[in-house]
Each structure stands twice: as structure tokens, then as C-alpha cells.
């Protein structure tokens, strides 16, 4: 695995946050918009492996990876070297003005790694929201249709269009409307909250989707169905086996493009290159970002050549899209994933963490569900009454306790009652076990 100069041990020298972090937080409050929130106000000065080092010298265990961004670890050597060389050569020209090889090389790797053996094209952007927005543009241009189908609990971004696709109001949509029209929301196959065996849930949820689209929209009007193969911000919802292939077949039957939003699930996070690979689903378009470039801003839309080439010249792009430094970082990150078999490492993390999370669920009845794939795992918290009522207050309390003990954790879920775990794939087993010990202590003190 990748080596790092950062000591891979949790070490707390002050309370969390420490005095220097509190001073920086005061400066932040005086100079940064209040609309930019902070989950854990510790200010980081170094990071590597599974550890974040703050300005007070505290070493924190990282179960967040910057929301699935530093998949290969912070400052991974191949990423650092690629960036160093590229910065020395040139930092920007704009690919739409005078192009460069690094952009082309990233697109070649995306064609190789994304699902399907068909001829593909890619376009590069800056963020996941941009990728989703451009996937919609491409789908509408290719099909000549306007309607979009998204799902309950979905998260697709913070731009006006992607807010319309996103299902959660607070904090993402409140006060920012009106939103883009022609977006239709359908029920999600959510096993924990859709009673029945997985096969029945898959069939019932698919039938609900097909019936509602037929009645409310008309299949002939739908440009694209956009789906996270495993929902992220919505609560790491893993649909039952068979549901996504049914949706893919139905889209193909009706000339609807299937857009897989793999921004959080992509690049080895779930134990495969992409979450679609678990069921051999080949989307027409796939959006990527987050883990693609080892911490630098880069995103992509990759898809069928005929679909991607349907847009007129100049219709896609942006000043910074596919910046050469970010492209160099992506090439370094992808090489790291390949050489170090990070798909396999994600499966090892799942094999270590899932049994311990299930043991916690047996011990604490407020853990209603344990789910996820690879190094994308979650527990859903509910009240003790047995009726599966979401318990956001408990999730917040457990999260706060973890933070105070030097474990960086994140919440998620439409109701804010899910704890999600996204460790970097170069984290050590020792840190994983210690982090899980802290998590157990958080439940002991909070329940």
C-alpha cells in the first residue's frame, strides 16, 4: 500500500477542536459566508493514509475521505509526482483553446475502465454537479426529449438543475427555488423501508416506476433516467439485486438513456471500479468526480460514442474543465488504484468492518440497518420503539462523540439518521479497528 510520512496513529493533544482550530474558526466566521457550513471545525495542516493532522497537532482517524474524494489517500505519491511535474510544465491553457495530451489520456482511461466494451467518448468538467448537468444536456440533445426521471432520496448536486434532481430539501434546496421543470421523482427500491424479500422488492419497485412514468410522463417524453447505483447522501441505500438491471432493460426498450451517477460510488469505492459492475449493468452515460483525481477538482461524463457526439461542437466545455494539473492527478490516482489493487482493498475493508457493525447492531437495537458495499458502508439509526422511526438526534449525538474522540465520521440520509463510513482505501486495519472501537463507545455513551 501507499506509504506516508504521517504517523498512522490516533493522538489527541488537546480537546477537539483545539485552541488553534478555534481561533481559525473565529476567523472563518468573520470572513466566510455563513452559508458554508462545517461539520467538524478542526483545521487540517497535513494528512496521509488514514490520518488527518490538525493545526493543534492532533492526529484524527479519517472515516470520511473528504466525502469519498481521497480514495487513494491524501497526497498519494503518484498523484503528488504527477501534479509536481505538470505544475512545472504549465498550469492552464483551456482545452477548448489549445489542447494538451493529459486531457486525452484521462478520457482514454475512462473509456477503458467504465462499464461496457462499446466505443465511448468523454468530456471533462470541474465538479459532480457539472457532470450531471452536462449529462442531462447530452441526453436531451441525443433523444430530442425533455423529461427527466430521478428517485426518492437522490442527491445529484447543488446547481439549479441538480437541485431539482436532488430529493432532500434541507440544507440543499430550501429557499433556492424555483427549480428546473420536467423533473419527475419516482419511488426508490429501499429494502429497509420497503417490506418484503429482496426479489419482491425489486419487482414491486420496478413496476411502480414503470407504471408511474407511463401514467404521469409518458415513456416517449423521457430523455433520461438518472440513478445512483448506491445512493450517497440519501443514506447509502443499496437497491435489491435485480432492480437496476430491470430499470436498464426498461430504458433500452423505450429509447430512454440510463445515466449512472457514480460520483460517490466510482473508482474502486464499492469493491469494483464502478457500482454498476456488481450487476453487469452498462449505462448509456456515467458521471464521475470525487475519487477520480486524488483530491483535485475533476469530473467527467463518459458514454456511448453516438450519444456523446450528438452535441454540436462548442456545446460542451468550460474554462477550467479538464485542467491539466487535475488531469495529471487523475492519471496518478488511477495508476495507484490499478497497481495497488484498491478494488481488492475495498473488499477487505468491507470484510473487516461489516461484521463489527452487525455485532453493534445486535448489541444496540437502535441500529436498524447495516448496509453498503466495499468501503462505502452505513448504519441507519431509529428510535427504540421498534417502528423504524428515523432518529436524527441520536445520529448527531453519536457523530459528535466520535468527533470528540478523534474519529472523523459523517451523517447522511434524507432524515439525517444515517452514519456513513468512507475511509481512504490505504487506511490500516489497526486504524479501522480503533475507529470502530470509538464508534462502539459513542453508542455506549449516547443510547
Protein backbone atom coordinates (compact mmCIF):
# COMPACT_ATOMS: atom_id res chain seq x y z
CA UNK A 1 0.00 0.00 0.00
CA UNK A 2 0.97 3.65 -0.35
CA UNK A 3 3.45 4.86 2.26
CA UNK A 4 3.08 8.21 4.01
CA UNK A 5 5.21 10.36 6.26
CA UNK A 6 2.21 10.98 8.54
CA UNK A 7 2.33 8.83 11.69
CA UNK A 8 -0.55 6.36 11.40
CA UNK A 9 -1.74 6.59 14.98
CA UNK A 10 -4.57 8.50 16.63
CA UNK A 11 -3.12 11.04 19.03
CA UNK A 12 -5.07 13.72 20.88
CA UNK A 13 -3.01 16.52 22.39
CA UNK A 14 -5.93 18.90 23.04
CA UNK A 15 -9.67 18.74 23.21
CA UNK A 16 -11.36 18.64 19.82
CA UNK A 17 -11.33 21.27 18.41
CA UNK A 18 -8.13 22.63 19.91
CA UNK A 19 -7.22 26.27 20.58
CA UNK A 20 -5.62 26.97 17.20
CA UNK A 21 -8.59 25.43 15.39
CA UNK A 22 -10.97 27.51 17.49
CA UNK A 23 -9.02 30.65 16.59
CA UNK A 24 -9.20 29.77 12.90
CA UNK A 25 -12.90 29.05 13.22
CA UNK A 26 -13.40 32.55 14.62
CA UNK A 27 -11.60 33.94 11.57
CA UNK A 28 -13.77 31.76 9.34
CA UNK A 29 -16.97 33.08 10.90
CA UNK A 30 -15.76 36.64 10.35
CA UNK A 31 -14.80 36.19 6.71
CA UNK A 32 -16.64 33.22 5.14
CA UNK A 33 -20.33 33.16 4.28
CA UNK A 34 -22.50 31.60 6.96
CA UNK A 35 -23.98 29.51 4.15
CA UNK A 36 -20.77 27.47 4.05
CA UNK A 37 -21.17 25.08 6.95
CA UNK A 38 -18.52 22.99 8.72
CA UNK A 39 -19.22 19.52 10.10
CA UNK A 40 -16.14 19.37 12.33
CA UNK A 41 -14.25 22.67 12.82
CA UNK A 42 -10.75 21.26 13.15
CA UNK A 43 -8.33 22.83 10.70
CA UNK A 44 -6.08 20.35 8.90
CA UNK A 45 -2.45 21.03 8.03
CA UNK A 46 -1.26 17.56 6.96
CA UNK A 47 -2.83 14.24 6.03
CA UNK A 48 -1.89 10.83 4.76
CA UNK A 49 -3.12 7.25 4.94
CA UNK A 50 -5.99 7.07 7.40
CA UNK A 51 -4.91 10.09 9.49
CA UNK A 52 -5.65 13.82 9.43
CA UNK A 53 -3.31 16.10 11.42
CA UNK A 54 -4.80 19.36 12.64
CA UNK A 55 -3.12 22.64 13.45
CA UNK A 56 -3.01 21.69 17.14
CA UNK A 57 -1.05 18.52 16.41
CA UNK A 58 -3.97 16.15 16.93
CA UNK A 59 -3.97 13.02 14.77
CA UNK A 60 -7.53 12.07 13.81
CA UNK A 61 -8.72 8.83 12.19
CA UNK A 62 -10.36 9.57 8.85
CA UNK A 63 -13.60 7.70 8.10
CA UNK A 64 -14.74 10.35 5.60
CA UNK A 65 -12.11 10.79 2.86
CA UNK A 66 -13.41 14.30 2.21
CA UNK A 67 -16.73 12.66 1.22
CA UNK A 68 -15.20 9.85 -0.86
CA UNK A 69 -12.61 12.06 -2.58
CA UNK A 70 -9.26 10.91 -1.19
CA UNK A 71 -9.90 7.29 -2.11
CA UNK A 72 -6.19 6.66 -2.83
CA UNK A 73 -5.23 8.52 0.34
CA UNK A 74 -4.14 12.10 0.86
CA UNK A 75 -1.08 13.19 -1.09
CA UNK A 76 -0.62 9.77 -2.69
CA UNK A 77 2.91 9.65 -4.19
CA UNK A 78 1.86 9.11 -7.82
CA UNK A 79 -0.67 11.94 -7.54
CA UNK A 80 1.91 14.27 -5.98
CA UNK A 81 4.55 13.47 -8.59
CA UNK A 82 2.13 13.92 -11.49
CA UNK A 83 0.97 17.26 -10.13
CA UNK A 84 4.53 18.42 -9.43
CA UNK A 85 5.66 17.69 -12.98
CA UNK A 86 2.57 19.23 -14.54
CA UNK A 87 2.72 22.43 -12.50
CA UNK A 88 6.33 22.87 -13.61
CA UNK A 89 5.36 22.39 -17.27
CA UNK A 90 2.21 24.55 -17.42
CA UNK A 91 -0.88 25.08 -15.29
CA UNK A 92 -3.56 26.05 -17.81
CA UNK A 93 -4.28 26.80 -21.44
CA UNK A 94 -8.01 25.87 -21.66
CA UNK A 95 -8.53 22.67 -23.61
CA UNK A 96 -11.03 24.44 -25.88
CA UNK A 97 -8.34 26.89 -26.98
CA UNK A 98 -5.08 24.95 -27.17
CA UNK A 99 -5.45 21.31 -26.09
CA UNK A 100 -2.98 19.01 -24.33
CA UNK A 101 -2.32 15.29 -24.01
CA UNK A 102 -3.29 14.89 -20.34
CA UNK A 103 -6.98 15.54 -21.08
CA UNK A 104 -6.95 12.96 -23.86
CA UNK A 105 -5.16 10.42 -21.67
CA UNK A 106 -7.79 10.71 -18.93
CA UNK A 107 -10.56 10.19 -21.49
CA UNK A 108 -8.75 7.12 -22.81
CA UNK A 109 -8.58 5.64 -19.30
CA UNK A 110 -12.27 6.37 -18.75
CA UNK A 111 -13.14 4.54 -21.97
CA UNK A 112 -11.10 1.58 -20.76
CA UNK A 113 -12.41 1.40 -17.19
CA UNK A 114 -16.09 2.36 -17.32
CA UNK A 115 -18.71 -0.38 -17.85
CA UNK A 116 -19.16 -1.80 -21.34
CA UNK A 117 -16.89 -2.61 -24.28
CA UNK A 118 -18.64 -0.29 -26.77
CA UNK A 119 -16.96 2.75 -28.32
CA UNK A 120 -17.01 5.64 -25.86
CA UNK A 121 -16.30 9.34 -25.60
CA UNK A 122 -15.80 11.58 -22.56
CA UNK A 123 -15.94 15.26 -21.67
CA UNK A 124 -14.23 16.65 -18.56
CA UNK A 125 -15.56 19.19 -16.08
CA UNK A 126 -14.82 20.51 -12.58
CA UNK A 127 -17.41 19.04 -10.23
CA UNK A 128 -20.00 16.34 -9.88
CA UNK A 129 -22.83 18.82 -10.29
CA UNK A 130 -21.34 19.98 -13.59
CA UNK A 131 -21.03 16.41 -14.77
CA UNK A 132 -24.68 15.65 -14.01
CA UNK A 133 -25.85 18.89 -15.60
CA UNK A 134 -23.91 18.14 -18.77
CA UNK A 135 -25.15 14.55 -18.86
CA UNK A 136 -28.67 15.97 -18.95
CA UNK A 137 -27.71 18.33 -21.79
CA UNK A 138 -26.25 15.43 -23.75
CA UNK A 139 -29.28 13.20 -23.12
CA UNK A 140 -31.69 15.89 -24.26
CA UNK A 141 -29.63 16.65 -27.36
CA UNK A 142 -29.44 12.99 -28.35
CA UNK A 143 -33.06 12.00 -27.68
CA UNK A 144 -34.85 15.23 -28.55
CA UNK A 145 -36.86 14.72 -25.36
CA UNK A 146 -37.02 16.86 -22.23
CA UNK A 147 -38.35 14.87 -19.26
CA UNK A 148 -36.01 13.52 -16.58
CA UNK A 149 -36.71 10.78 -14.06
CA UNK A 150 -34.99 10.82 -10.67
CA UNK A 151 -35.69 8.98 -7.43
CA UNK A 152 -36.67 9.45 -3.81
CA UNK A 153 -33.61 10.04 -1.59
CA UNK A 154 -31.48 11.06 -4.58
CA UNK A 155 -28.62 13.52 -4.39
CA UNK A 156 -27.19 14.89 -7.63
CA UNK A 157 -25.75 18.31 -6.75
CA UNK A 158 -26.32 21.94 -5.83
CA UNK A 159 -26.78 23.78 -9.14
CA UNK A 160 -30.32 24.75 -10.09
CA UNK A 161 -30.83 21.73 -12.33
CA UNK A 162 -29.18 19.28 -9.97
CA UNK A 163 -31.11 20.68 -7.01
CA UNK A 164 -34.27 19.80 -8.92
CA UNK A 165 -32.96 16.25 -9.26
CA UNK A 166 -31.95 16.11 -5.59
CA UNK A 167 -34.66 14.87 -3.22
CA UNK A 168 -33.58 16.38 0.12
CA UNK A 169 -34.85 19.85 0.95
CA UNK A 170 -32.63 20.87 3.89
CA UNK A 171 -29.99 22.07 3.51
CA UNK A 172 -29.77 21.70 -0.26
CA UNK A 173 -32.95 23.26 -1.68
CA UNK A 174 -34.62 25.38 1.00
CA UNK A 175 -35.15 28.93 -0.23
CA UNK A 176 -33.40 28.46 -3.60
CA UNK A 177 -36.33 27.78 -5.94
CA UNK A 178 -37.97 27.80 -8.36
CA UNK A 179 -36.20 24.84 -9.89
CA UNK A 180 -35.91 23.44 -13.38
CA UNK A 181 -39.11 21.83 -14.67
CA UNK A 182 -39.64 18.47 -16.35
CA UNK A 183 -38.13 16.50 -13.46
CA UNK A 184 -40.26 13.61 -12.20
CA UNK A 185 -39.48 11.77 -8.97
CA UNK A 186 -40.14 8.06 -8.58
CA UNK A 187 -40.05 5.64 -5.63
CA UNK A 188 -36.66 4.14 -4.76
CA UNK A 189 -36.13 0.45 -4.11
CA UNK A 190 -35.14 0.90 -0.45
CA UNK A 191 -35.02 -2.56 1.15
CA UNK A 192 -35.06 -1.43 4.78
CA UNK A 193 -38.21 0.63 4.24
CA UNK A 194 -39.94 -1.49 1.58
CA UNK A 195 -41.19 -4.66 3.32
CA UNK A 196 -40.67 -7.98 1.59
CA UNK A 197 -37.96 -10.28 0.36
CA UNK A 198 -35.38 -8.66 -1.96
CA UNK A 199 -36.75 -10.23 -5.16
CA UNK A 200 -40.25 -8.97 -4.43
CA UNK A 201 -39.00 -5.50 -3.51
CA UNK A 202 -37.02 -5.33 -6.76
CA UNK A 203 -40.06 -6.30 -8.81
CA UNK A 204 -42.55 -4.10 -6.95
CA UNK A 205 -40.30 -1.05 -7.07
CA UNK A 206 -39.64 -1.52 -10.76
CA UNK A 207 -43.36 -1.94 -11.51
CA UNK A 208 -44.12 1.25 -9.56
CA UNK A 209 -41.53 3.14 -11.61
CA UNK A 210 -42.83 1.83 -14.93
CA UNK A 211 -46.47 2.46 -14.07
CA UNK A 212 -45.94 5.98 -12.77
CA UNK A 213 -43.78 7.05 -15.72
CA UNK A 214 -46.36 5.66 -18.14
CA UNK A 215 -49.26 7.43 -16.40
CA UNK A 216 -47.63 10.72 -15.39
CA UNK A 217 -44.99 11.40 -18.02
CA UNK A 218 -45.17 9.06 -20.99
CA UNK A 219 -42.14 6.98 -21.87
CA UNK A 220 -41.78 8.71 -25.22
CA UNK A 221 -41.14 12.01 -23.43
CA UNK A 222 -38.34 10.82 -21.14
CA UNK A 223 -34.80 11.74 -22.13
CA UNK A 224 -33.05 10.04 -19.24
CA UNK A 225 -33.41 8.13 -16.01
CA UNK A 226 -30.67 9.24 -13.62
CA UNK A 227 -29.79 6.95 -10.76
CA UNK A 228 -27.07 6.48 -8.17
CA UNK A 229 -26.44 2.70 -8.22
CA UNK A 230 -25.93 3.08 -4.47
CA UNK A 231 -27.45 6.30 -3.19
CA UNK A 232 -25.00 8.53 -1.36
CA UNK A 233 -26.35 11.49 0.59
CA UNK A 234 -29.73 9.73 0.63
CA UNK A 235 -28.33 7.22 3.10
CA UNK A 236 -26.13 4.68 1.26
CA UNK A 237 -29.23 2.88 0.03
CA UNK A 238 -28.32 -0.31 -1.83
CA UNK A 239 -31.22 -1.42 -4.05
CA UNK A 240 -32.04 -5.13 -4.04
CA UNK A 241 -30.38 -7.35 -6.64
CA UNK A 242 -32.19 -7.29 -9.94
CA UNK A 243 -33.76 -3.85 -9.62
CA UNK A 244 -31.11 -1.89 -11.53
CA UNK A 245 -30.92 -4.43 -14.41
CA UNK A 246 -34.72 -4.23 -14.73
CA UNK A 247 -34.52 -0.44 -14.95
CA UNK A 248 -31.73 -0.66 -17.54
CA UNK A 249 -33.72 -3.09 -19.71
CA UNK A 250 -36.83 -0.91 -19.49
CA UNK A 251 -34.86 2.19 -20.50
CA UNK A 252 -33.44 0.35 -23.51
CA UNK A 253 -36.90 -0.83 -24.52
CA UNK A 254 -38.26 2.73 -24.57
CA UNK A 255 -35.28 4.60 -26.01
CA UNK A 256 -34.55 6.27 -22.67
CA UNK A 257 -30.94 6.90 -21.70
CA UNK A 258 -29.77 5.41 -18.42
CA UNK A 259 -27.44 7.84 -16.63
CA UNK A 260 -25.48 6.28 -13.77
CA UNK A 261 -24.37 8.89 -11.24
CA UNK A 262 -21.21 7.20 -9.92
CA UNK A 263 -19.76 10.37 -8.43
CA UNK A 264 -19.59 8.89 -4.92
CA UNK A 265 -19.53 5.18 -5.83
CA UNK A 266 -16.92 5.28 -8.58
CA UNK A 267 -13.23 4.41 -8.70
CA UNK A 268 -12.95 1.30 -6.51
CA UNK A 269 -15.04 2.67 -3.63
CA UNK A 270 -17.52 -0.26 -3.64
CA UNK A 271 -15.01 -3.02 -4.42
CA UNK A 272 -15.38 -2.72 -8.19
CA UNK A 273 -14.28 0.08 -10.48
CA UNK A 274 -17.92 1.22 -10.55
CA UNK A 275 -21.01 0.17 -8.61
CA UNK A 276 -22.79 -0.76 -11.86
CA UNK A 277 -20.21 -3.52 -12.30
CA UNK A 278 -21.69 -5.51 -9.40
CA UNK A 279 -24.68 -6.42 -11.58
CA UNK A 280 -23.02 -6.02 -15.01
CA UNK A 281 -25.21 -3.03 -15.81
CA UNK A 282 -23.90 -0.90 -18.69
CA UNK A 283 -25.31 2.66 -18.57
CA UNK A 284 -25.55 4.87 -21.63
CA UNK A 285 -23.85 7.69 -19.71
CA UNK A 286 -21.87 7.64 -16.48
CA UNK A 287 -20.91 10.67 -14.40
CA UNK A 288 -17.78 10.64 -12.25
CA UNK A 289 -15.94 13.04 -9.95
CA UNK A 290 -14.81 12.83 -6.27
CA UNK A 291 -12.32 9.92 -6.23
CA UNK A 292 -11.17 10.40 -9.82
CA UNK A 293 -8.23 12.73 -9.11
CA UNK A 294 -6.92 12.09 -5.61
CA UNK A 295 -8.24 15.35 -4.18
CA UNK A 296 -8.05 17.73 -7.12
CA UNK A 297 -11.25 19.04 -8.77
CA UNK A 298 -12.12 16.99 -11.84
CA UNK A 299 -15.30 15.41 -13.17
CA UNK A 300 -16.38 13.59 -16.31
CA UNK A 301 -19.26 12.39 -18.40
CA UNK A 302 -18.46 9.20 -20.28
CA UNK A 303 -20.79 7.36 -22.58
CA UNK A 304 -21.71 5.81 -25.87
CA UNK A 305 -19.87 7.48 -28.72
CA UNK A 306 -23.07 8.13 -30.70
CA UNK A 307 -24.68 9.79 -27.69
CA UNK A 308 -21.69 11.89 -26.69
CA UNK A 309 -21.09 13.00 -30.28
CA UNK A 310 -24.70 14.15 -30.73
CA UNK A 311 -23.84 17.54 -29.23
CA UNK A 312 -22.66 20.25 -31.62
CA UNK A 313 -19.05 21.46 -31.40
CA UNK A 314 -18.74 24.02 -28.61
CA UNK A 315 -21.83 22.74 -26.81
CA UNK A 316 -19.76 21.14 -24.06
CA UNK A 317 -16.84 22.57 -22.14
CA UNK A 318 -15.82 25.25 -19.70
CA UNK A 319 -12.78 27.35 -18.93
CA UNK A 320 -11.31 25.04 -16.31
CA UNK A 321 -12.87 21.71 -17.33
CA UNK A 322 -10.13 19.09 -17.62
CA UNK A 323 -7.46 21.38 -16.19
CA UNK A 324 -4.04 19.83 -16.94
CA UNK A 325 -2.97 19.69 -13.29
CA UNK A 326 -6.17 17.90 -12.30
CA UNK A 327 -5.76 15.53 -15.24
CA UNK A 328 -2.22 14.70 -14.13
CA UNK A 329 -3.57 13.98 -10.66
CA UNK A 330 -6.25 11.71 -12.11
CA UNK A 331 -3.71 9.72 -14.08
CA UNK A 332 -1.67 9.27 -10.90
CA UNK A 333 -4.73 8.27 -8.89
CA UNK A 334 -5.91 5.73 -11.48
CA UNK A 335 -2.42 4.23 -11.70
CA UNK A 336 -2.41 3.90 -7.90
CA UNK A 337 -5.77 2.11 -7.99
CA UNK A 338 -4.51 -0.30 -10.63
CA UNK A 339 -1.06 -1.03 -9.19
CA UNK A 340 -2.21 -1.34 -5.58
CA UNK A 341 -5.42 -3.27 -6.38
CA UNK A 342 -7.62 -0.87 -4.46
CA UNK A 343 -10.72 -2.71 -5.61
CA UNK A 344 -9.48 -5.64 -3.56
CA UNK A 345 -8.60 -3.37 -0.66
CA UNK A 346 -12.17 -2.00 -0.62
CA UNK A 347 -13.47 -5.55 -0.33
CA UNK A 348 -11.05 -6.21 2.53
CA UNK A 349 -12.34 -3.13 4.34
CA UNK A 350 -15.92 -4.37 3.90
CA UNK A 351 -14.93 -7.80 5.26
CA UNK A 352 -13.37 -6.17 8.32
CA UNK A 353 -15.98 -3.51 9.07
CA UNK A 354 -19.29 -5.17 8.25
CA UNK A 355 -19.13 -7.98 10.85
CA UNK A 356 -18.24 -5.48 13.55
CA UNK A 357 -21.08 -3.16 12.51
CA UNK A 358 -23.50 -6.08 12.58
CA UNK A 359 -22.27 -7.02 16.05
CA UNK A 360 -23.02 -3.45 17.13
CA UNK A 361 -26.49 -3.79 15.62
CA UNK A 362 -27.09 -6.91 17.69
CA UNK A 363 -25.99 -5.03 20.80
CA UNK A 364 -27.87 -1.78 20.12
CA UNK A 365 -31.43 -2.15 18.81
CA UNK A 366 -31.36 1.49 17.66
CA UNK A 367 -29.17 0.37 14.74
CA UNK A 368 -31.96 -0.61 12.39
CA UNK A 369 -29.88 -1.50 9.37
CA UNK A 370 -26.28 -2.15 8.32
CA UNK A 371 -25.64 -1.77 4.62
CA UNK A 372 -23.26 -0.81 1.85
CA UNK A 373 -20.55 -2.28 -0.34
CA UNK A 374 -16.79 -2.13 -0.18
CA UNK A 375 -15.55 0.90 1.72
CA UNK A 376 -18.95 2.61 1.39
CA UNK A 377 -20.81 1.44 4.49
CA UNK A 378 -23.52 2.83 6.74
CA UNK A 379 -25.77 2.22 9.71
CA UNK A 380 -29.30 3.62 9.92
CA UNK A 381 -30.44 4.73 13.36
CA UNK A 382 -34.03 4.50 14.56
CA UNK A 383 -35.89 5.04 17.81
CA UNK A 384 -36.08 2.19 20.30
CA UNK A 385 -39.81 1.66 19.78
CA UNK A 386 -39.36 -0.86 17.00
CA UNK A 387 -41.36 1.09 14.40
CA UNK A 388 -38.28 2.17 12.39
CA UNK A 389 -38.82 5.86 13.13
CA UNK A 390 -35.69 7.75 11.99
CA UNK A 391 -33.62 9.10 14.88
CA UNK A 392 -31.60 12.05 13.62
CA UNK A 393 -30.86 13.28 17.14
CA UNK A 394 -29.14 10.01 18.03
CA UNK A 395 -27.14 10.08 14.80
CA UNK A 396 -25.99 13.60 15.65
CA UNK A 397 -25.06 12.58 19.19
CA UNK A 398 -23.04 9.55 18.07
CA UNK A 399 -21.37 11.62 15.40
CA UNK A 400 -20.45 14.34 17.92
CA UNK A 401 -18.97 11.79 20.33
CA UNK A 402 -16.86 10.25 17.55
CA UNK A 403 -15.53 13.70 16.67
CA UNK A 404 -14.60 14.43 20.27
CA UNK A 405 -12.57 11.21 20.36
CA UNK A 406 -10.69 11.98 17.16
CA UNK A 407 -12.71 9.95 14.64
CA UNK A 408 -13.99 11.83 11.60
CA UNK A 409 -17.42 10.47 10.72
CA UNK A 410 -20.24 11.79 8.55
CA UNK A 411 -24.02 11.68 8.72
CA UNK A 412 -26.35 11.21 5.76
CA UNK A 413 -29.91 10.22 4.89
CA UNK A 414 -33.00 12.12 3.88
CA UNK A 415 -33.92 12.25 7.58
CA UNK A 416 -30.36 12.75 8.84
CA UNK A 417 -30.38 9.44 10.72
CA UNK A 418 -27.61 7.55 8.90
CA UNK A 419 -23.94 7.33 9.84
CA UNK A 420 -21.80 6.71 6.75
CA UNK A 421 -18.26 5.45 6.61
CA UNK A 422 -15.91 6.25 3.72
CA UNK A 423 -12.35 5.51 4.84
CA UNK A 424 -9.50 6.06 2.40
CA UNK A 425 -8.52 2.75 0.84
CA UNK A 426 -4.96 2.98 2.13
CA UNK A 427 -6.08 3.09 5.77
CA UNK A 428 -4.56 0.41 8.01
CA UNK A 429 -6.55 -2.39 9.64
CA UNK A 430 -5.38 -1.13 13.05
CA UNK A 431 -6.95 2.27 12.45
CA UNK A 432 -10.17 0.67 11.21
CA UNK A 433 -10.44 -1.40 14.38
CA UNK A 434 -9.64 1.59 16.59
CA UNK A 435 -12.21 3.69 14.79
CA UNK A 436 -14.84 1.01 15.30
CA UNK A 437 -13.92 0.84 19.00
CA UNK A 438 -14.57 4.59 19.21
CA UNK A 439 -17.88 4.12 17.39
CA UNK A 440 -18.95 1.47 19.90
CA UNK A 441 -18.02 3.82 22.75
CA UNK A 442 -20.12 6.53 21.12
CA UNK A 443 -23.19 4.27 21.21
CA UNK A 444 -22.49 3.29 24.80
CA UNK A 445 -22.44 6.95 25.81
CA UNK A 446 -25.34 8.09 23.62
CA UNK A 447 -28.00 5.39 23.85
